Amino acid sequence: MTLAAAGSDGDLAARSLAGDQRAFAEIVSRHKQFLYGLTVRLVGSPDDALDLVQEAFVSAHGALKRYDPERPMRTWLARIAINKARDWRRKERVRAVLRSVLPLGDAPDVAADQVSVEQQVSDRAELAEVSRQIAKMPAKLREVLVLRTIEGLPQLQVAEMLGISEKSVETRLYRARRYLAER
């Protein structure tokens, strides 16, 4: 019997806790695409998202004994990844402040930014603008918008992932859509 046919994520978690490294590798295999897609939408950078997903899996492995096999592994992992993305955004704000007060000796970076701006004015300009507006959106609104609208997750699952009520998901989604409509 292969690990993929071994059954539930709960079974794999139990095997991993018992020392079976292949079991955790199967958990990663099952959930890495979802977590990567979610994280790249939250942070906006594919490279940073890849790093954050790896950090999320490392954290999940260390916290596996706290996983409740009665609940979806995907929800538990998403919550870890969301927290990693939140931490990254906080650190990124600090980095942005530091970059703004440091001497301007980074002319090549400015030129590279100009190239990317020119590329965004292509036939994908509207998509790029929506992506920029989503990135500027407050994290609480962005998280709900990404999970509910882009990832297509049910409202209850989004609520569980974010640790909020279903009504809060509904309210934040409404506000996120209104935010985008106003821009």
N, C-alpha and C. Protein backbone atom coordinates (compact mmCIF):
# COMPACT_ATOMS: atom_id res chain seq x y z
N MET A 1 0.84 -1.18 0.00
CA MET A 1 0.00 0.00 0.00
C MET A 1 0.89 1.24 0.00
N THR A 2 0.60 2.19 -0.88
CA THR A 2 1.38 3.42 -0.93
C THR A 2 0.87 4.38 0.13
N LEU A 3 1.70 5.38 0.43
CA LEU A 3 1.28 6.38 1.41
C LEU A 3 0.06 7.13 0.93
N ALA A 4 -0.01 7.41 -0.36
CA ALA A 4 -1.15 8.15 -0.90
C ALA A 4 -2.44 7.38 -0.66
N ALA A 5 -2.36 6.06 -0.70
CA ALA A 5 -3.55 5.25 -0.48
C ALA A 5 -3.73 4.92 1.00
N ALA A 6 -2.83 5.40 1.84
CA ALA A 6 -2.84 5.05 3.25
C ALA A 6 -4.01 5.64 4.01
N GLY A 7 -4.68 6.59 3.43
CA GLY A 7 -5.85 7.13 4.10
C GLY A 7 -5.74 8.60 4.40
N SER A 8 -6.28 8.93 5.53
CA SER A 8 -6.48 10.33 5.88
C SER A 8 -5.19 11.03 6.28
N ASP A 9 -5.31 12.35 6.31
CA ASP A 9 -4.20 13.16 6.81
C ASP A 9 -3.93 12.83 8.27
N GLY A 10 -4.97 12.50 9.00
CA GLY A 10 -4.81 12.12 10.40
C GLY A 10 -3.94 10.88 10.56
N ASP A 11 -4.16 9.90 9.67
CA ASP A 11 -3.33 8.70 9.68
C ASP A 11 -1.87 9.05 9.39
N LEU A 12 -1.68 9.91 8.41
CA LEU A 12 -0.32 10.33 8.05
C LEU A 12 0.33 11.10 9.19
N ALA A 13 -0.44 11.93 9.87
CA ALA A 13 0.10 12.68 11.00
C ALA A 13 0.55 11.71 12.10
N ALA A 14 -0.27 10.71 12.38
CA ALA A 14 0.09 9.72 13.40
C ALA A 14 1.36 8.97 13.01
N ARG A 15 1.45 8.60 11.74
CA ARG A 15 2.66 7.90 11.28
C ARG A 15 3.89 8.79 11.37
N SER A 16 3.70 10.06 11.03
CA SER A 16 4.81 11.00 11.11
C SER A 16 5.28 11.16 12.55
N LEU A 17 4.33 11.27 13.46
CA LEU A 17 4.69 11.38 14.87
C LEU A 17 5.42 10.14 15.37
N ALA A 18 5.12 9.00 14.74
CA ALA A 18 5.78 7.75 15.11
C ALA A 18 7.16 7.62 14.47
N GLY A 19 7.55 8.63 13.67
CA GLY A 19 8.89 8.63 13.09
C GLY A 19 8.96 8.32 11.61
N ASP A 20 7.83 8.12 10.96
CA ASP A 20 7.81 7.82 9.53
C ASP A 20 7.94 9.11 8.73
N GLN A 21 9.15 9.38 8.23
CA GLN A 21 9.40 10.62 7.49
C GLN A 21 8.63 10.67 6.17
N ARG A 22 8.38 9.51 5.58
CA ARG A 22 7.64 9.48 4.32
C ARG A 22 6.20 9.95 4.53
N ALA A 23 5.67 9.75 5.71
CA ALA A 23 4.29 10.17 5.98
C ALA A 23 4.19 11.69 5.94
N PHE A 24 5.16 12.37 6.55
CA PHE A 24 5.10 13.84 6.50
C PHE A 24 5.38 14.33 5.09
N ALA A 25 6.24 13.64 4.36
CA ALA A 25 6.48 14.01 2.97
C ALA A 25 5.19 13.92 2.16
N GLU A 26 4.35 12.95 2.46
CA GLU A 26 3.06 12.83 1.78
C GLU A 26 2.13 13.97 2.17
N ILE A 27 2.16 14.39 3.42
CA ILE A 27 1.36 15.55 3.84
C ILE A 27 1.79 16.77 3.04
N VAL A 28 3.09 16.97 2.94
CA VAL A 28 3.61 18.11 2.17
C VAL A 28 3.15 18.00 0.72
N SER A 29 3.27 16.82 0.15
CA SER A 29 2.88 16.62 -1.24
C SER A 29 1.40 16.93 -1.47
N ARG A 30 0.57 16.55 -0.54
CA ARG A 30 -0.87 16.77 -0.67
C ARG A 30 -1.26 18.25 -0.58
N HIS A 31 -0.52 19.02 0.19
CA HIS A 31 -0.98 20.37 0.52
C HIS A 31 -0.09 21.51 0.01
N LYS A 32 1.06 21.20 -0.57
CA LYS A 32 2.00 22.26 -0.94
C LYS A 32 1.44 23.21 -2.00
N GLN A 33 0.74 22.71 -3.00
CA GLN A 33 0.22 23.59 -4.05
C GLN A 33 -0.80 24.57 -3.49
N PHE A 34 -1.70 24.07 -2.67
CA PHE A 34 -2.71 24.95 -2.07
C PHE A 34 -2.05 26.03 -1.22
N LEU A 35 -1.12 25.62 -0.35
CA LEU A 35 -0.47 26.59 0.53
C LEU A 35 0.35 27.60 -0.26
N TYR A 36 1.01 27.15 -1.30
CA TYR A 36 1.80 28.07 -2.12
C TYR A 36 0.89 29.09 -2.80
N GLY A 37 -0.19 28.62 -3.41
CA GLY A 37 -1.12 29.54 -4.07
C GLY A 37 -1.70 30.55 -3.10
N LEU A 38 -2.08 30.09 -1.94
CA LEU A 38 -2.63 30.97 -0.91
C LEU A 38 -1.58 32.00 -0.49
N THR A 39 -0.39 31.54 -0.20
CA THR A 39 0.66 32.42 0.33
C THR A 39 1.12 33.43 -0.71
N VAL A 40 1.25 33.03 -1.96
CA VAL A 40 1.69 33.98 -2.98
C VAL A 40 0.65 35.08 -3.14
N ARG A 41 -0.61 34.75 -2.97
CA ARG A 41 -1.65 35.78 -3.07
C ARG A 41 -1.65 36.70 -1.85
N LEU A 42 -1.23 36.18 -0.73
CA LEU A 42 -1.19 37.01 0.48
C LEU A 42 0.01 37.94 0.51
N VAL A 43 1.17 37.47 0.01
CA VAL A 43 2.37 38.30 0.10
C VAL A 43 2.77 38.93 -1.22
N GLY A 44 2.27 38.41 -2.33
CA GLY A 44 2.52 39.02 -3.62
C GLY A 44 3.84 38.66 -4.28
N SER A 45 4.67 37.92 -3.62
CA SER A 45 5.98 37.57 -4.18
C SER A 45 6.13 36.05 -4.22
N PRO A 46 6.29 35.48 -5.42
CA PRO A 46 6.45 34.03 -5.51
C PRO A 46 7.64 33.50 -4.72
N ASP A 47 8.76 34.22 -4.75
CA ASP A 47 9.94 33.75 -4.02
C ASP A 47 9.72 33.78 -2.51
N ASP A 48 9.16 34.88 -2.02
CA ASP A 48 8.88 34.97 -0.59
C ASP A 48 7.83 33.94 -0.18
N ALA A 49 6.85 33.73 -1.04
CA ALA A 49 5.81 32.74 -0.74
C ALA A 49 6.41 31.35 -0.60
N LEU A 50 7.33 31.01 -1.48
CA LEU A 50 7.98 29.70 -1.41
C LEU A 50 8.71 29.54 -0.08
N ASP A 51 9.44 30.56 0.33
CA ASP A 51 10.13 30.53 1.63
C ASP A 51 9.13 30.37 2.77
N LEU A 52 8.03 31.11 2.70
CA LEU A 52 7.04 31.07 3.78
C LEU A 52 6.34 29.72 3.85
N VAL A 53 6.08 29.11 2.72
CA VAL A 53 5.46 27.78 2.72
C VAL A 53 6.42 26.77 3.35
N GLN A 54 7.69 26.88 3.02
CA GLN A 54 8.67 25.98 3.65
C GLN A 54 8.70 26.19 5.16
N GLU A 55 8.68 27.46 5.58
CA GLU A 55 8.64 27.75 7.02
C GLU A 55 7.38 27.19 7.66
N ALA A 56 6.26 27.30 6.95
CA ALA A 56 4.99 26.80 7.48
C ALA A 56 5.06 25.29 7.67
N PHE A 57 5.63 24.57 6.71
CA PHE A 57 5.74 23.12 6.86
C PHE A 57 6.71 22.74 7.98
N VAL A 58 7.78 23.50 8.14
CA VAL A 58 8.70 23.24 9.25
C VAL A 58 7.97 23.44 10.58
N SER A 59 7.22 24.52 10.68
CA SER A 59 6.46 24.78 11.91
C SER A 59 5.41 23.70 12.13
N ALA A 60 4.74 23.30 11.06
CA ALA A 60 3.71 22.27 11.18
C ALA A 60 4.32 20.96 11.66
N HIS A 61 5.48 20.62 11.13
CA HIS A 61 6.14 19.38 11.57
C HIS A 61 6.45 19.44 13.05
N GLY A 62 6.92 20.59 13.51
CA GLY A 62 7.24 20.73 14.93
C GLY A 62 6.01 20.75 15.82
N ALA A 63 4.87 21.13 15.26
CA ALA A 63 3.64 21.24 16.05
C ALA A 63 2.66 20.12 15.75
N LEU A 64 3.09 19.10 15.07
CA LEU A 64 2.19 18.04 14.61
C LEU A 64 1.44 17.37 15.75
N LYS A 65 2.05 17.31 16.92
CA LYS A 65 1.37 16.68 18.05
C LYS A 65 0.14 17.47 18.50
N ARG A 66 0.06 18.75 18.10
CA ARG A 66 -1.10 19.58 18.45
C ARG A 66 -2.20 19.52 17.38
N TYR A 67 -1.93 18.84 16.27
CA TYR A 67 -2.94 18.72 15.21
C TYR A 67 -4.07 17.81 15.68
N ASP A 68 -5.30 18.25 15.46
CA ASP A 68 -6.49 17.47 15.80
C ASP A 68 -6.94 16.72 14.55
N PRO A 69 -6.77 15.40 14.51
CA PRO A 69 -7.11 14.64 13.31
C PRO A 69 -8.60 14.66 12.97
N GLU A 70 -9.42 15.16 13.86
CA GLU A 70 -10.85 15.28 13.58
C GLU A 70 -11.15 16.50 12.71
N ARG A 71 -10.19 17.37 12.57
CA ARG A 71 -10.36 18.60 11.78
C ARG A 71 -9.52 18.50 10.51
N PRO A 72 -9.87 19.26 9.49
CA PRO A 72 -9.11 19.18 8.23
C PRO A 72 -7.67 19.66 8.37
N MET A 73 -6.75 18.86 7.88
CA MET A 73 -5.33 19.22 7.87
C MET A 73 -5.12 20.50 7.07
N ARG A 74 -5.85 20.62 5.96
CA ARG A 74 -5.70 21.79 5.09
C ARG A 74 -5.99 23.08 5.85
N THR A 75 -7.01 23.08 6.67
CA THR A 75 -7.37 24.25 7.46
C THR A 75 -6.26 24.57 8.46
N TRP A 76 -5.76 23.55 9.13
CA TRP A 76 -4.70 23.73 10.12
C TRP A 76 -3.44 24.28 9.46
N LEU A 77 -3.05 23.70 8.34
CA LEU A 77 -1.85 24.17 7.63
C LEU A 77 -2.04 25.59 7.10
N ALA A 78 -3.23 25.88 6.60
CA ALA A 78 -3.50 27.23 6.07
C ALA A 78 -3.37 28.26 7.18
N ARG A 79 -3.83 27.92 8.35
CA ARG A 79 -3.72 28.86 9.46
C ARG A 79 -2.25 29.15 9.79
N ILE A 80 -1.44 28.13 9.76
CA ILE A 80 0.00 28.30 10.00
C ILE A 80 0.59 29.19 8.91
N ALA A 81 0.26 28.92 7.66
CA ALA A 81 0.79 29.71 6.54
C ALA A 81 0.32 31.16 6.61
N ILE A 82 -0.93 31.37 6.99
CA ILE A 82 -1.46 32.73 7.13
C ILE A 82 -0.69 33.48 8.21
N ASN A 83 -0.43 32.82 9.31
CA ASN A 83 0.35 33.47 10.38
C ASN A 83 1.77 33.79 9.91
N LYS A 84 2.37 32.90 9.14
CA LYS A 84 3.71 33.18 8.59
C LYS A 84 3.64 34.40 7.67
N ALA A 85 2.59 34.48 6.85
CA ALA A 85 2.44 35.63 5.93
C ALA A 85 2.22 36.92 6.71
N ARG A 86 1.45 36.85 7.79
CA ARG A 86 1.24 38.05 8.62
C ARG A 86 2.56 38.52 9.21
N ASP A 87 3.34 37.59 9.74
CA ASP A 87 4.64 37.94 10.30
C ASP A 87 5.54 38.56 9.23
N TRP A 88 5.54 37.96 8.06
CA TRP A 88 6.36 38.47 6.96
C TRP A 88 5.95 39.89 6.60
N ARG A 89 4.65 40.17 6.52
CA ARG A 89 4.18 41.52 6.16
C ARG A 89 4.59 42.54 7.23
N ARG A 90 4.53 42.15 8.50
CA ARG A 90 4.98 43.06 9.56
C ARG A 90 6.46 43.39 9.38
N LYS A 91 7.26 42.37 9.14
CA LYS A 91 8.70 42.59 8.93
C LYS A 91 8.94 43.40 7.66
N GLU A 92 8.13 43.17 6.64
CA GLU A 92 8.29 43.90 5.38
C GLU A 92 8.01 45.39 5.58
N ARG A 93 7.04 45.72 6.42
CA ARG A 93 6.77 47.14 6.71
C ARG A 93 7.98 47.79 7.36
N VAL A 94 8.63 47.07 8.26
CA VAL A 94 9.83 47.60 8.91
C VAL A 94 10.93 47.79 7.87
N ARG A 95 11.09 46.79 6.99
CA ARG A 95 12.10 46.91 5.94
C ARG A 95 11.81 48.10 5.03
N ALA A 96 10.55 48.34 4.72
CA ALA A 96 10.18 49.47 3.86
C ALA A 96 10.54 50.79 4.51
N VAL A 97 10.31 50.90 5.81
CA VAL A 97 10.67 52.12 6.53
C VAL A 97 12.18 52.30 6.50
N LEU A 98 12.91 51.23 6.75
CA LEU A 98 14.37 51.32 6.72
C LEU A 98 14.88 51.71 5.34
N ARG A 99 14.29 51.15 4.30
CA ARG A 99 14.70 51.51 2.94
C ARG A 99 14.44 52.99 2.66
N SER A 100 13.36 53.51 3.21
CA SER A 100 13.01 54.91 2.93
C SER A 100 13.94 55.89 3.64
N VAL A 101 14.56 55.47 4.74
CA VAL A 101 15.44 56.39 5.47
C VAL A 101 16.92 56.17 5.15
N LEU A 102 17.24 55.10 4.46
CA LEU A 102 18.63 54.85 4.09
C LEU A 102 19.00 55.72 2.89
N PRO A 103 20.29 56.04 2.74
CA PRO A 103 20.71 56.86 1.59
C PRO A 103 20.34 56.19 0.27
N LEU A 104 20.05 57.01 -0.71
CA LEU A 104 19.64 56.50 -2.01
C LEU A 104 20.86 56.14 -2.83
N GLY A 105 21.38 54.97 -2.62
CA GLY A 105 22.53 54.51 -3.39
C GLY A 105 22.16 53.32 -4.24
N ASP A 106 20.89 53.06 -4.38
CA ASP A 106 20.43 51.86 -5.08
C ASP A 106 19.83 52.19 -6.44
N ALA A 107 20.53 52.94 -7.26
CA ALA A 107 20.02 53.31 -8.58
C ALA A 107 19.64 52.10 -9.43
N PRO A 108 20.39 50.99 -9.41
CA PRO A 108 19.98 49.84 -10.21
C PRO A 108 18.60 49.32 -9.81
N ASP A 109 18.28 49.35 -8.52
CA ASP A 109 16.97 48.90 -8.08
C ASP A 109 15.87 49.79 -8.64
N VAL A 110 16.11 51.09 -8.68
CA VAL A 110 15.12 52.02 -9.22
C VAL A 110 14.89 51.70 -10.69
N ALA A 111 15.95 51.45 -11.44
CA ALA A 111 15.81 51.12 -12.85
C ALA A 111 15.05 49.81 -13.03
N ALA A 112 15.33 48.83 -12.19
CA ALA A 112 14.62 47.56 -12.28
C ALA A 112 13.14 47.74 -12.00
N ASP A 113 12.81 48.62 -11.05
CA ASP A 113 11.40 48.90 -10.76
C ASP A 113 10.72 49.53 -11.97
N GLN A 114 11.42 50.40 -12.69
CA GLN A 114 10.84 51.04 -13.86
C GLN A 114 10.51 50.01 -14.94
N VAL A 115 11.37 49.02 -15.11
CA VAL A 115 11.11 47.98 -16.11
C VAL A 115 9.84 47.23 -15.74
N SER A 116 9.68 46.87 -14.47
CA SER A 116 8.50 46.11 -14.08
C SER A 116 7.24 46.96 -14.22
N VAL A 117 7.33 48.26 -13.99
CA VAL A 117 6.17 49.13 -14.17
C VAL A 117 5.77 49.16 -15.64
N GLU A 118 6.78 49.25 -16.52
CA GLU A 118 6.48 49.26 -17.96
C GLU A 118 5.82 47.96 -18.40
N GLN A 119 6.25 46.85 -17.84
CA GLN A 119 5.66 45.56 -18.20
C GLN A 119 4.21 45.46 -17.72
N GLN A 120 3.91 46.09 -16.59
CA GLN A 120 2.56 46.03 -16.05
C GLN A 120 1.57 46.82 -16.89
N VAL A 121 2.06 47.73 -17.71
CA VAL A 121 1.20 48.54 -18.55
C VAL A 121 0.86 47.79 -19.84
N SER A 122 1.11 46.53 -19.88
CA SER A 122 0.81 45.71 -21.06
C SER A 122 -0.67 45.33 -21.06
N ASP A 123 -0.99 44.30 -21.84
CA ASP A 123 -2.38 43.85 -21.95
C ASP A 123 -2.93 43.30 -20.64
N ARG A 124 -2.09 43.13 -19.64
CA ARG A 124 -2.56 42.64 -18.34
C ARG A 124 -2.66 43.77 -17.32
N ALA A 125 -2.80 44.99 -17.78
CA ALA A 125 -2.81 46.16 -16.90
C ALA A 125 -3.93 46.08 -15.87
N GLU A 126 -5.08 45.68 -16.29
CA GLU A 126 -6.21 45.63 -15.35
C GLU A 126 -5.96 44.60 -14.25
N LEU A 127 -5.47 43.43 -14.62
CA LEU A 127 -5.16 42.41 -13.62
C LEU A 127 -4.07 42.89 -12.67
N ALA A 128 -3.07 43.56 -13.22
CA ALA A 128 -1.99 44.08 -12.39
C ALA A 128 -2.53 45.12 -11.41
N GLU A 129 -3.45 45.96 -11.87
CA GLU A 129 -4.02 46.99 -10.99
C GLU A 129 -4.83 46.35 -9.86
N VAL A 130 -5.62 45.35 -10.19
CA VAL A 130 -6.38 44.65 -9.16
C VAL A 130 -5.43 44.00 -8.16
N SER A 131 -4.38 43.39 -8.65
CA SER A 131 -3.40 42.77 -7.75
C SER A 131 -2.75 43.80 -6.84
N ARG A 132 -2.44 44.98 -7.39
CA ARG A 132 -1.86 46.04 -6.55
C ARG A 132 -2.85 46.49 -5.49
N GLN A 133 -4.09 46.63 -5.88
CA GLN A 133 -5.09 47.08 -4.91
C GLN A 133 -5.30 46.03 -3.82
N ILE A 134 -5.26 44.76 -4.20
CA ILE A 134 -5.38 43.70 -3.20
C ILE A 134 -4.19 43.75 -2.25
N ALA A 135 -3.00 43.99 -2.78
CA ALA A 135 -1.80 44.06 -1.94
C ALA A 135 -1.86 45.24 -0.97
N LYS A 136 -2.50 46.33 -1.37
CA LYS A 136 -2.62 47.52 -0.51
C LYS A 136 -3.72 47.37 0.53
N MET A 137 -4.60 46.45 0.29
CA MET A 137 -5.75 46.25 1.15
C MET A 137 -5.30 45.83 2.56
N PRO A 138 -6.00 46.27 3.59
CA PRO A 138 -5.66 45.80 4.94
C PRO A 138 -5.65 44.26 4.99
N ALA A 139 -4.73 43.72 5.75
CA ALA A 139 -4.53 42.26 5.80
C ALA A 139 -5.80 41.50 6.14
N LYS A 140 -6.58 42.02 7.08
CA LYS A 140 -7.81 41.32 7.48
C LYS A 140 -8.77 41.16 6.31
N LEU A 141 -8.83 42.17 5.45
CA LEU A 141 -9.72 42.10 4.29
C LEU A 141 -9.10 41.23 3.20
N ARG A 142 -7.80 41.39 2.97
CA ARG A 142 -7.11 40.65 1.92
C ARG A 142 -7.19 39.14 2.18
N GLU A 143 -6.96 38.74 3.42
CA GLU A 143 -6.97 37.32 3.75
C GLU A 143 -8.32 36.69 3.41
N VAL A 144 -9.40 37.35 3.81
CA VAL A 144 -10.73 36.82 3.54
C VAL A 144 -11.00 36.80 2.04
N LEU A 145 -10.64 37.87 1.35
CA LEU A 145 -10.87 37.94 -0.10
C LEU A 145 -10.12 36.81 -0.83
N VAL A 146 -8.88 36.60 -0.47
CA VAL A 146 -8.08 35.56 -1.13
C VAL A 146 -8.66 34.18 -0.84
N LEU A 147 -8.94 33.90 0.41
CA LEU A 147 -9.43 32.57 0.77
C LEU A 147 -10.82 32.28 0.21
N ARG A 148 -11.70 33.24 0.32
CA ARG A 148 -13.10 33.02 -0.06
C ARG A 148 -13.31 33.15 -1.57
N THR A 149 -12.81 34.22 -2.16
CA THR A 149 -13.09 34.50 -3.56
C THR A 149 -12.08 33.85 -4.50
N ILE A 150 -10.81 34.01 -4.23
CA ILE A 150 -9.80 33.50 -5.16
C ILE A 150 -9.60 32.00 -4.97
N GLU A 151 -9.47 31.55 -3.72
CA GLU A 151 -9.30 30.11 -3.47
C GLU A 151 -10.63 29.37 -3.50
N GLY A 152 -11.74 30.08 -3.34
CA GLY A 152 -13.06 29.47 -3.41
C GLY A 152 -13.42 28.58 -2.23
N LEU A 153 -12.84 28.88 -1.08
CA LEU A 153 -13.12 28.06 0.11
C LEU A 153 -14.47 28.43 0.71
N PRO A 154 -15.12 27.47 1.35
CA PRO A 154 -16.40 27.76 2.00
C PRO A 154 -16.21 28.74 3.17
N GLN A 155 -17.25 29.48 3.44
CA GLN A 155 -17.20 30.50 4.48
C GLN A 155 -16.81 29.92 5.84
N LEU A 156 -17.36 28.77 6.18
CA LEU A 156 -17.04 28.14 7.47
C LEU A 156 -15.55 27.80 7.55
N GLN A 157 -14.99 27.27 6.48
CA GLN A 157 -13.57 26.91 6.49
C GLN A 157 -12.69 28.15 6.60
N VAL A 158 -13.07 29.23 5.92
CA VAL A 158 -12.32 30.48 6.03
C VAL A 158 -12.36 30.98 7.47
N ALA A 159 -13.53 30.91 8.08
CA ALA A 159 -13.68 31.34 9.47
C ALA A 159 -12.77 30.53 10.39
N GLU A 160 -12.72 29.23 10.19
CA GLU A 160 -11.86 28.38 11.01
C GLU A 160 -10.38 28.70 10.80
N MET A 161 -10.00 28.92 9.54
CA MET A 161 -8.60 29.21 9.24
C MET A 161 -8.14 30.50 9.90
N LEU A 162 -9.02 31.49 9.91
CA LEU A 162 -8.65 32.80 10.44
C LEU A 162 -9.00 32.97 11.91
N GLY A 163 -9.73 32.02 12.47
CA GLY A 163 -10.11 32.11 13.88
C GLY A 163 -11.13 33.21 14.14
N ILE A 164 -12.06 33.40 13.19
CA ILE A 164 -13.10 34.42 13.33
C ILE A 164 -14.45 33.77 13.06
N SER A 165 -15.52 34.51 13.30
CA SER A 165 -16.86 33.97 13.06
C SER A 165 -17.20 34.01 11.57
N GLU A 166 -18.20 33.23 11.19
CA GLU A 166 -18.65 33.25 9.80
C GLU A 166 -19.19 34.63 9.43
N LYS A 167 -19.85 35.28 10.36
CA LYS A 167 -20.38 36.62 10.11
C LYS A 167 -19.24 37.60 9.85
N SER A 168 -18.14 37.45 10.58
CA SER A 168 -16.97 38.31 10.34
C SER A 168 -16.40 38.07 8.95
N VAL A 169 -16.41 36.83 8.50
CA VAL A 169 -15.95 36.52 7.14
C VAL A 169 -16.83 37.27 6.14
N GLU A 170 -18.13 37.17 6.33
CA GLU A 170 -19.08 37.83 5.44
C GLU A 170 -18.86 39.35 5.42
N THR A 171 -18.70 39.94 6.60
CA THR A 171 -18.50 41.38 6.70
C THR A 171 -17.19 41.80 6.05
N ARG A 172 -16.12 41.08 6.34
CA ARG A 172 -14.81 41.43 5.76
C ARG A 172 -14.81 41.26 4.24
N LEU A 173 -15.50 40.25 3.76
CA LEU A 173 -15.58 40.05 2.32
C LEU A 173 -16.33 41.21 1.66
N TYR A 174 -17.41 41.63 2.27
CA TYR A 174 -18.16 42.78 1.76
C TYR A 174 -17.27 44.02 1.73
N ARG A 175 -16.55 44.26 2.82
CA ARG A 175 -15.67 45.44 2.89
C ARG A 175 -14.52 45.35 1.88
N ALA A 176 -13.99 44.15 1.68
CA ALA A 176 -12.91 43.98 0.70
C ALA A 176 -13.40 44.29 -0.71
N ARG A 177 -14.58 43.80 -1.03
CA ARG A 177 -15.14 44.07 -2.36
C ARG A 177 -15.45 45.56 -2.53
N ARG A 178 -15.96 46.17 -1.48
CA ARG A 178 -16.24 47.61 -1.53
C ARG A 178 -14.93 48.39 -1.70
N TYR A 179 -13.89 47.97 -1.00
CA TYR A 179 -12.57 48.60 -1.10
C TYR A 179 -12.10 48.58 -2.55
N LEU A 180 -12.21 47.43 -3.20
CA LEU A 180 -11.78 47.32 -4.60
C LEU A 180 -12.65 48.15 -5.53
N ALA A 181 -13.95 48.18 -5.27
CA ALA A 181 -14.86 48.93 -6.13
C ALA A 181 -14.60 50.43 -6.05
N GLU A 182 -14.14 50.90 -4.91
CA GLU A 182 -13.88 52.33 -4.72
C GLU A 182 -12.58 52.77 -5.36
N ARG A 183 -11.75 51.85 -5.77
CA ARG A 183 -10.45 52.22 -6.34
C ARG A 183 -10.44 52.13 -7.82
